[in-house]
């Protein structure tokens, strides 16, 4: 087995006022992504602890990864505690760790996202439900449906007439 540690097994709840952002994270998320994270926390709970460095001198936990979870827990959920996993690294290693965490998240492949949307339609979710739970706009959802040939799935659906032709 490779030489690896498991700090994730030593998560602890820390008073929110003892957690603070670092000063170097270049990552930002859009409003829509932040709302999706909020929905995720609301529906799934906190599934990942914030990664932090404990500054003994300041008696503070400095966020290395999980800044947006921290902000939502603090500001929107008004949580008195934040789940934290501590790593003991110097500032250079913490900065590198922040970037590794940011970059390791990956991007969703369009075709696979389209397949997932098609599957949710087949399982009975309507557009509004899919958009809400996946954090998509109506336009993005429509594009994914078009890419994956969702027309086949919807071909037997009944549609209301938008207007009727009237001859004069």
Protein backbone atom coordinates (compact mmCIF):
# COMPACT_ATOMS: atom_id res chain seq x y z
CA UNK A 1 0.00 0.00 0.00
CA UNK A 2 1.20 3.50 -0.82
CA UNK A 3 2.30 5.75 2.02
CA UNK A 4 -0.81 7.88 2.52
CA UNK A 5 -2.55 9.57 5.43
CA UNK A 6 -6.28 9.86 6.11
CA UNK A 7 -6.98 13.19 7.81
CA UNK A 8 -10.61 12.80 6.67
CA UNK A 9 -11.04 10.29 9.51
CA UNK A 10 -10.21 12.94 12.09
CA UNK A 11 -12.84 15.60 11.31
CA UNK A 12 -13.95 17.77 14.20
CA UNK A 13 -16.57 20.43 14.80
CA UNK A 14 -15.00 23.83 15.40
CA UNK A 15 -16.82 27.01 16.54
CA UNK A 16 -17.55 29.05 13.42
CA UNK A 17 -15.84 32.16 14.81
CA UNK A 18 -12.56 30.22 14.98
CA UNK A 19 -12.57 29.53 11.21
CA UNK A 20 -11.37 32.12 8.69
CA UNK A 21 -10.59 32.33 4.99
CA UNK A 22 -7.05 32.27 3.70
CA UNK A 23 -5.71 35.32 1.83
CA UNK A 24 -4.53 33.62 -1.33
CA UNK A 25 -7.30 31.49 -2.84
CA UNK A 26 -7.89 32.56 -6.46
CA UNK A 27 -11.04 30.45 -6.78
CA UNK A 28 -14.45 32.02 -7.13
CA UNK A 29 -17.81 30.56 -8.04
CA UNK A 30 -20.75 32.05 -9.87
CA UNK A 31 -24.03 32.85 -8.18
CA UNK A 32 -25.59 29.75 -9.76
CA UNK A 33 -22.83 27.46 -8.47
CA UNK A 34 -23.15 28.95 -4.99
CA UNK A 35 -26.91 28.36 -5.07
CA UNK A 36 -26.34 24.76 -6.16
CA UNK A 37 -23.92 24.27 -3.27
CA UNK A 38 -26.56 25.72 -0.95
CA UNK A 39 -29.14 23.26 -2.30
CA UNK A 40 -26.62 20.44 -1.91
CA UNK A 41 -25.97 21.33 1.73
CA UNK A 42 -29.69 21.72 2.35
CA UNK A 43 -30.63 18.38 0.77
CA UNK A 44 -27.56 16.23 1.51
CA UNK A 45 -26.08 17.86 4.59
CA UNK A 46 -22.38 18.55 5.00
CA UNK A 47 -20.73 15.59 3.27
CA UNK A 48 -17.22 17.05 3.22
CA UNK A 49 -15.36 18.80 5.99
CA UNK A 50 -13.51 22.03 5.37
CA UNK A 51 -9.75 21.45 5.07
CA UNK A 52 -7.87 23.87 7.31
CA UNK A 53 -4.56 24.68 8.94
CA UNK A 54 -4.60 25.37 12.67
CA UNK A 55 -2.73 28.56 13.54
CA UNK A 56 -1.80 28.05 17.20
CA UNK A 57 -0.64 31.64 17.67
CA UNK A 58 -3.97 33.09 16.48
CA UNK A 59 -6.07 30.13 17.71
CA UNK A 60 -7.76 30.08 14.28
CA UNK A 61 -8.42 27.47 11.62
CA UNK A 62 -7.36 28.88 8.24
CA UNK A 63 -9.31 27.43 5.30
CA UNK A 64 -7.23 25.54 2.74
CA UNK A 65 -10.19 24.01 0.87
CA UNK A 66 -13.93 24.37 1.34
CA UNK A 67 -14.19 28.15 1.51
CA UNK A 68 -17.63 28.25 -0.15
CA UNK A 69 -19.03 25.55 2.15
CA UNK A 70 -17.65 27.56 5.08
CA UNK A 71 -19.27 30.80 3.85
CA UNK A 72 -22.66 29.17 3.34
CA UNK A 73 -22.57 27.41 6.70
CA UNK A 74 -21.58 30.67 8.40
CA UNK A 75 -23.77 33.16 6.54
CA UNK A 76 -26.84 31.33 5.24
CA UNK A 77 -27.22 28.44 7.64
CA UNK A 78 -25.93 30.44 10.63
CA UNK A 79 -24.22 27.26 11.84
CA UNK A 80 -22.47 27.63 15.19
CA UNK A 81 -19.91 25.02 14.13
CA UNK A 82 -17.94 24.09 11.01
CA UNK A 83 -16.66 20.54 10.35
CA UNK A 84 -12.89 20.78 9.87
CA UNK A 85 -10.09 18.43 8.89
CA UNK A 86 -6.69 19.80 9.88
CA UNK A 87 -3.54 19.50 7.79
CA UNK A 88 -0.24 20.65 9.22
CA UNK A 89 1.65 22.24 6.30
CA UNK A 90 3.74 25.36 5.83
CA UNK A 91 2.25 28.26 3.87
CA UNK A 92 3.79 27.19 0.53
CA UNK A 93 2.36 23.69 0.86
CA UNK A 94 -1.04 25.08 1.93
CA UNK A 95 -1.13 27.35 -1.10
CA UNK A 96 -0.25 24.42 -3.38
CA UNK A 97 -2.87 22.27 -1.64
CA UNK A 98 -5.56 24.90 -2.22
CA UNK A 99 -4.81 24.93 -5.95
CA UNK A 100 -4.67 21.13 -6.15
CA UNK A 101 -8.07 20.90 -4.47
CA UNK A 102 -9.51 23.54 -6.81
CA UNK A 103 -8.13 21.98 -9.98
CA UNK A 104 -8.86 18.35 -9.07
CA UNK A 105 -12.62 18.91 -9.15
CA UNK A 106 -12.80 18.37 -12.90
CA UNK A 107 -15.39 19.45 -15.41
CA UNK A 108 -18.58 17.66 -16.38
CA UNK A 109 -18.58 16.17 -19.83
CA UNK A 110 -21.46 17.49 -21.91
CA UNK A 111 -22.51 14.11 -23.32
CA UNK A 112 -22.51 12.44 -19.91
CA UNK A 113 -24.49 15.34 -18.40
CA UNK A 114 -26.96 15.03 -21.27
CA UNK A 115 -27.32 11.30 -20.62
CA UNK A 116 -27.95 12.01 -16.95
CA UNK A 117 -30.64 14.57 -17.83
CA UNK A 118 -32.30 12.10 -20.22
CA UNK A 119 -32.28 9.48 -17.46
CA UNK A 120 -33.92 11.89 -14.99
CA UNK A 121 -36.64 12.70 -17.58
CA UNK A 122 -37.22 8.99 -18.09
CA UNK A 123 -37.52 8.56 -14.33
CA UNK A 124 -40.25 11.21 -14.19
CA UNK A 125 -38.60 14.49 -13.25
CA UNK A 126 -39.89 17.58 -15.06
CA UNK A 127 -37.69 20.40 -16.33
CA UNK A 128 -38.19 22.62 -13.28
CA UNK A 129 -37.20 19.83 -10.90
CA UNK A 130 -34.13 18.90 -12.94
CA UNK A 131 -33.03 22.53 -13.26
CA UNK A 132 -33.44 23.15 -9.53
CA UNK A 133 -31.64 20.02 -8.36
CA UNK A 134 -28.79 20.24 -10.88
CA UNK A 135 -28.41 24.02 -10.74
CA UNK A 136 -29.13 24.60 -14.43
CA UNK A 137 -30.85 27.34 -16.33
CA UNK A 138 -33.75 26.45 -18.64
CA UNK A 139 -31.54 27.22 -21.63
CA UNK A 140 -28.73 24.93 -20.44
CA UNK A 141 -31.22 22.14 -19.80
CA UNK A 142 -32.72 22.56 -23.27
CA UNK A 143 -29.25 22.43 -24.88
CA UNK A 144 -28.41 19.22 -23.03
CA UNK A 145 -31.70 17.68 -24.15
CA UNK A 146 -31.00 18.64 -27.75
CA UNK A 147 -27.49 17.21 -27.65
CA UNK A 148 -28.63 13.83 -26.37
CA UNK A 149 -31.62 13.36 -28.65
CA UNK A 150 -34.19 13.76 -25.92
CA UNK A 151 -36.82 14.10 -28.64
CA UNK A 152 -36.96 10.28 -28.80
CA UNK A 153 -37.85 10.14 -25.12
CA UNK A 154 -40.53 12.80 -25.46
CA UNK A 155 -42.08 11.70 -28.77
CA UNK A 156 -45.19 10.16 -27.18
CA UNK A 157 -45.90 13.10 -24.86
CA UNK A 158 -49.13 15.07 -25.18
CA UNK A 159 -48.63 18.78 -25.75
CA UNK A 160 -51.12 21.60 -25.43
CA UNK A 161 -51.66 23.72 -28.51
CA UNK A 162 -49.96 27.06 -28.14
CA UNK A 163 -52.36 28.68 -30.60
CA UNK A 164 -54.91 27.74 -33.20
CA UNK A 165 -55.03 28.78 -36.83
CA UNK A 166 -58.04 30.85 -37.67
CA UNK A 167 -58.98 31.48 -41.30
CA UNK A 168 -60.79 34.66 -42.24
